[in-house]
Amino acid sequence: MAKPLKPADMQSLLTHDRRYHRAAAVLADRWQVVMADEDLPYRQRITRDDLQFAHALVTSATLTSRFDFESYAGVQAIRQHFGNLLAPDAQAWLVQKYL
């Protein structure tokens, strides 16, 4: 069953702002596009907010992805796939419910 988006998430979805583009890039495995658009090195990494919004988009059935945020194996696959592109806070968020 789909979970509704929060108002801020819905606003980002409707306006397709930077936040939406970053989350969609994670889900579509097109992070290289984001990296090319960002001038600041710290903005080239996948943040906790990017993953949380990506997860919200998947759970609301707005977007689909091959990445599974709901299982330990899926989370480990995300960590392995993106590797050092994940900021430390993003890595911590991914595994927090398994600690």
N, C-alpha and C. Protein backbone atom coordinates (compact mmCIF):
# COMPACT_ATOMS: atom_id res chain seq x y z
N MET A 1 0.84 -1.18 0.00
CA MET A 1 0.00 0.00 0.00
C MET A 1 0.89 1.25 0.00
N ALA A 2 0.54 2.17 -0.84
CA ALA A 2 1.32 3.40 -0.98
C ALA A 2 1.11 4.31 0.23
N LYS A 3 2.18 4.96 0.61
CA LYS A 3 2.16 5.89 1.73
C LYS A 3 2.18 7.31 1.17
N PRO A 4 1.28 8.20 1.60
CA PRO A 4 1.25 9.55 1.04
C PRO A 4 2.51 10.35 1.37
N LEU A 5 2.85 11.24 0.47
CA LEU A 5 4.00 12.11 0.67
C LEU A 5 3.67 13.22 1.66
N LYS A 6 4.69 13.68 2.37
CA LYS A 6 4.55 14.84 3.25
C LYS A 6 4.39 16.08 2.37
N PRO A 7 3.83 17.17 2.91
CA PRO A 7 3.62 18.38 2.11
C PRO A 7 4.89 18.91 1.44
N ALA A 8 6.01 18.93 2.14
CA ALA A 8 7.26 19.44 1.54
C ALA A 8 7.72 18.53 0.40
N ASP A 9 7.53 17.22 0.58
CA ASP A 9 7.89 16.28 -0.47
C ASP A 9 6.98 16.44 -1.69
N MET A 10 5.71 16.66 -1.43
CA MET A 10 4.76 16.86 -2.53
C MET A 10 5.10 18.13 -3.30
N GLN A 11 5.49 19.17 -2.59
CA GLN A 11 5.87 20.43 -3.25
C GLN A 11 7.08 20.21 -4.16
N SER A 12 8.07 19.47 -3.66
CA SER A 12 9.25 19.18 -4.48
C SER A 12 8.89 18.34 -5.70
N LEU A 13 7.99 17.40 -5.52
CA LEU A 13 7.54 16.57 -6.63
C LEU A 13 6.83 17.42 -7.69
N LEU A 14 5.95 18.28 -7.25
CA LEU A 14 5.17 19.10 -8.19
C LEU A 14 6.01 20.12 -8.94
N THR A 15 7.03 20.66 -8.27
CA THR A 15 7.85 21.69 -8.91
C THR A 15 9.12 21.12 -9.55
N HIS A 16 9.38 19.85 -9.30
CA HIS A 16 10.61 19.20 -9.82
C HIS A 16 11.84 20.05 -9.52
N ASP A 17 11.95 20.43 -8.26
CA ASP A 17 13.08 21.25 -7.83
C ASP A 17 14.36 20.43 -7.72
N ARG A 18 15.42 21.05 -7.26
CA ARG A 18 16.72 20.39 -7.14
C ARG A 18 16.64 19.16 -6.24
N ARG A 19 15.90 19.28 -5.18
CA ARG A 19 15.75 18.17 -4.23
C ARG A 19 15.14 16.95 -4.92
N TYR A 20 14.11 17.17 -5.73
CA TYR A 20 13.48 16.09 -6.48
C TYR A 20 14.46 15.48 -7.48
N HIS A 21 15.18 16.30 -8.21
CA HIS A 21 16.11 15.80 -9.21
C HIS A 21 17.21 14.94 -8.58
N ARG A 22 17.67 15.33 -7.41
CA ARG A 22 18.69 14.55 -6.72
C ARG A 22 18.14 13.19 -6.29
N ALA A 23 16.95 13.17 -5.71
CA ALA A 23 16.35 11.90 -5.27
C ALA A 23 16.04 11.00 -6.47
N ALA A 24 15.51 11.58 -7.52
CA ALA A 24 15.19 10.80 -8.73
C ALA A 24 16.46 10.24 -9.36
N ALA A 25 17.55 11.00 -9.31
CA ALA A 25 18.83 10.52 -9.85
C ALA A 25 19.34 9.31 -9.08
N VAL A 26 19.15 9.31 -7.77
CA VAL A 26 19.55 8.15 -6.98
C VAL A 26 18.74 6.93 -7.42
N LEU A 27 17.44 7.09 -7.51
CA LEU A 27 16.56 5.97 -7.86
C LEU A 27 16.81 5.45 -9.27
N ALA A 28 17.15 6.34 -10.18
CA ALA A 28 17.38 5.94 -11.57
C ALA A 28 18.83 5.56 -11.84
N ASP A 29 19.66 5.62 -10.81
CA ASP A 29 21.09 5.35 -10.94
C ASP A 29 21.74 6.25 -11.99
N ARG A 30 21.42 7.54 -11.89
CA ARG A 30 21.98 8.54 -12.80
C ARG A 30 22.65 9.65 -11.99
N TRP A 31 23.41 9.26 -10.99
CA TRP A 31 24.05 10.24 -10.10
C TRP A 31 25.12 11.06 -10.82
N GLN A 32 25.68 10.54 -11.89
CA GLN A 32 26.72 11.25 -12.63
C GLN A 32 26.19 12.59 -13.16
N VAL A 33 24.93 12.65 -13.50
CA VAL A 33 24.31 13.89 -13.98
C VAL A 33 24.32 14.93 -12.87
N VAL A 34 24.00 14.53 -11.66
CA VAL A 34 24.01 15.44 -10.51
C VAL A 34 25.42 15.92 -10.24
N MET A 35 26.37 15.00 -10.27
CA MET A 35 27.76 15.37 -10.00
C MET A 35 28.26 16.41 -11.02
N ALA A 36 27.85 16.27 -12.25
CA ALA A 36 28.28 17.21 -13.29
C ALA A 36 27.67 18.59 -13.09
N ASP A 37 26.47 18.64 -12.51
CA ASP A 37 25.77 19.92 -12.31
C ASP A 37 26.19 20.65 -11.04
N GLU A 38 26.78 19.95 -10.10
CA GLU A 38 27.15 20.55 -8.82
C GLU A 38 28.59 21.07 -8.85
N ASP A 39 28.78 22.32 -8.44
CA ASP A 39 30.12 22.92 -8.41
C ASP A 39 30.87 22.59 -7.13
N LEU A 40 30.15 22.49 -6.03
CA LEU A 40 30.78 22.27 -4.73
C LEU A 40 30.96 20.78 -4.47
N PRO A 41 32.17 20.36 -4.13
CA PRO A 41 32.43 18.93 -3.92
C PRO A 41 31.52 18.26 -2.89
N TYR A 42 31.19 18.97 -1.81
CA TYR A 42 30.34 18.35 -0.79
C TYR A 42 28.92 18.12 -1.30
N ARG A 43 28.48 18.86 -2.31
CA ARG A 43 27.14 18.68 -2.89
C ARG A 43 27.13 17.55 -3.93
N GLN A 44 28.31 17.02 -4.26
CA GLN A 44 28.38 15.93 -5.22
C GLN A 44 28.15 14.57 -4.58
N ARG A 45 28.07 14.55 -3.26
CA ARG A 45 27.82 13.30 -2.55
C ARG A 45 26.34 13.13 -2.27
N ILE A 46 25.92 11.90 -2.15
CA ILE A 46 24.53 11.57 -1.84
C ILE A 46 24.32 11.77 -0.35
N THR A 47 23.36 12.61 0.01
CA THR A 47 23.12 12.95 1.41
C THR A 47 21.97 12.13 2.00
N ARG A 48 21.83 12.25 3.29
CA ARG A 48 20.72 11.61 3.99
C ARG A 48 19.38 12.09 3.45
N ASP A 49 19.26 13.39 3.21
CA ASP A 49 18.02 13.94 2.67
C ASP A 49 17.70 13.36 1.29
N ASP A 50 18.72 13.19 0.46
CA ASP A 50 18.50 12.59 -0.86
C ASP A 50 17.90 11.19 -0.72
N LEU A 51 18.47 10.40 0.18
CA LEU A 51 17.98 9.03 0.37
C LEU A 51 16.60 8.99 1.01
N GLN A 52 16.37 9.87 1.98
CA GLN A 52 15.06 9.89 2.62
C GLN A 52 13.96 10.28 1.63
N PHE A 53 14.23 11.26 0.79
CA PHE A 53 13.23 11.66 -0.20
C PHE A 53 13.07 10.57 -1.26
N ALA A 54 14.16 9.95 -1.67
CA ALA A 54 14.07 8.85 -2.63
C ALA A 54 13.22 7.72 -2.07
N HIS A 55 13.45 7.40 -0.80
CA HIS A 55 12.65 6.36 -0.13
C HIS A 55 11.18 6.76 -0.08
N ALA A 56 10.90 8.01 0.22
CA ALA A 56 9.51 8.49 0.26
C ALA A 56 8.85 8.38 -1.11
N LEU A 57 9.59 8.69 -2.16
CA LEU A 57 9.04 8.60 -3.52
C LEU A 57 8.72 7.15 -3.88
N VAL A 58 9.54 6.23 -3.44
CA VAL A 58 9.29 4.81 -3.71
C VAL A 58 8.10 4.31 -2.90
N THR A 59 8.06 4.63 -1.61
CA THR A 59 6.97 4.14 -0.76
C THR A 59 5.63 4.78 -1.10
N SER A 60 5.65 5.92 -1.75
CA SER A 60 4.39 6.55 -2.18
C SER A 60 3.96 6.04 -3.56
N ALA A 61 4.76 5.17 -4.15
CA ALA A 61 4.51 4.62 -5.48
C ALA A 61 4.54 5.70 -6.56
N THR A 62 5.27 6.77 -6.29
CA THR A 62 5.43 7.84 -7.27
C THR A 62 6.49 7.46 -8.30
N LEU A 63 7.60 6.91 -7.83
CA LEU A 63 8.68 6.43 -8.69
C LEU A 63 9.02 4.99 -8.30
N THR A 64 9.66 4.31 -9.22
CA THR A 64 10.13 2.96 -8.93
C THR A 64 11.65 2.94 -9.03
N SER A 65 12.23 1.91 -8.47
CA SER A 65 13.68 1.79 -8.50
C SER A 65 14.06 0.33 -8.33
N ARG A 66 15.24 -0.01 -8.81
CA ARG A 66 15.76 -1.36 -8.59
C ARG A 66 16.34 -1.49 -7.19
N PHE A 67 16.53 -0.37 -6.51
CA PHE A 67 17.10 -0.38 -5.16
C PHE A 67 16.02 -0.66 -4.13
N ASP A 68 16.36 -1.50 -3.16
CA ASP A 68 15.44 -1.89 -2.11
C ASP A 68 15.89 -1.27 -0.78
N PHE A 69 15.08 -0.37 -0.26
CA PHE A 69 15.39 0.30 1.00
C PHE A 69 14.85 -0.47 2.20
N GLU A 70 14.09 -1.53 1.96
CA GLU A 70 13.36 -2.20 3.02
C GLU A 70 14.03 -3.45 3.57
N SER A 71 15.09 -3.91 2.95
CA SER A 71 15.75 -5.12 3.45
C SER A 71 17.23 -4.85 3.70
N TYR A 72 17.80 -5.65 4.57
CA TYR A 72 19.22 -5.49 4.87
C TYR A 72 20.07 -5.74 3.62
N ALA A 73 19.71 -6.76 2.86
CA ALA A 73 20.45 -7.06 1.63
C ALA A 73 20.33 -5.90 0.63
N GLY A 74 19.15 -5.33 0.54
CA GLY A 74 18.94 -4.20 -0.37
C GLY A 74 19.75 -2.98 0.04
N VAL A 75 19.78 -2.71 1.34
CA VAL A 75 20.54 -1.57 1.86
C VAL A 75 22.04 -1.79 1.61
N GLN A 76 22.50 -3.00 1.83
CA GLN A 76 23.91 -3.29 1.58
C GLN A 76 24.24 -3.16 0.09
N ALA A 77 23.30 -3.54 -0.77
CA ALA A 77 23.50 -3.38 -2.21
C ALA A 77 23.61 -1.90 -2.59
N ILE A 78 22.81 -1.06 -1.96
CA ILE A 78 22.88 0.39 -2.21
C ILE A 78 24.24 0.91 -1.75
N ARG A 79 24.66 0.51 -0.56
CA ARG A 79 25.95 0.96 -0.03
C ARG A 79 27.10 0.51 -0.92
N GLN A 80 27.03 -0.71 -1.41
CA GLN A 80 28.09 -1.22 -2.26
C GLN A 80 28.07 -0.53 -3.62
N HIS A 81 26.88 -0.31 -4.17
CA HIS A 81 26.76 0.29 -5.50
C HIS A 81 27.29 1.73 -5.51
N PHE A 82 26.88 2.53 -4.55
CA PHE A 82 27.27 3.94 -4.55
C PHE A 82 28.60 4.19 -3.83
N GLY A 83 28.98 3.31 -2.94
CA GLY A 83 30.28 3.40 -2.28
C GLY A 83 30.57 4.75 -1.66
N ASN A 84 31.71 5.34 -2.03
CA ASN A 84 32.12 6.61 -1.42
C ASN A 84 31.33 7.81 -1.91
N LEU A 85 30.38 7.61 -2.80
CA LEU A 85 29.49 8.72 -3.18
C LEU A 85 28.48 9.02 -2.08
N LEU A 86 28.29 8.06 -1.17
CA LEU A 86 27.38 8.27 -0.04
C LEU A 86 28.09 9.04 1.06
N ALA A 87 27.49 10.11 1.50
CA ALA A 87 28.02 10.87 2.63
C ALA A 87 27.90 10.00 3.89
N PRO A 88 28.73 10.26 4.89
CA PRO A 88 28.66 9.46 6.13
C PRO A 88 27.26 9.44 6.77
N ASP A 89 26.56 10.57 6.75
CA ASP A 89 25.21 10.58 7.34
C ASP A 89 24.24 9.73 6.53
N ALA A 90 24.45 9.65 5.23
CA ALA A 90 23.60 8.82 4.38
C ALA A 90 23.84 7.34 4.67
N GLN A 91 25.10 6.96 4.83
CA GLN A 91 25.42 5.57 5.16
C GLN A 91 24.82 5.20 6.51
N ALA A 92 24.93 6.10 7.47
CA ALA A 92 24.38 5.84 8.80
C ALA A 92 22.87 5.68 8.76
N TRP A 93 22.19 6.52 7.96
CA TRP A 93 20.74 6.43 7.86
C TRP A 93 20.31 5.10 7.25
N LEU A 94 21.05 4.64 6.25
CA LEU A 94 20.69 3.38 5.60
C LEU A 94 20.68 2.21 6.57
N VAL A 95 21.66 2.17 7.46
CA VAL A 95 21.80 1.00 8.33
C VAL A 95 21.22 1.18 9.72
N GLN A 96 20.68 2.34 10.03
CA GLN A 96 20.25 2.62 11.40
C GLN A 96 19.25 1.62 11.96
N LYS A 97 18.33 1.13 11.16
CA LYS A 97 17.33 0.21 11.72
C LYS A 97 17.86 -1.22 11.87
N TYR A 98 19.07 -1.47 11.40
CA TYR A 98 19.68 -2.79 11.53
C TYR A 98 20.74 -2.85 12.62
N LEU A 99 20.97 -1.74 13.30
CA LEU A 99 21.97 -1.72 14.36
C LEU A 99 21.36 -2.07 15.70
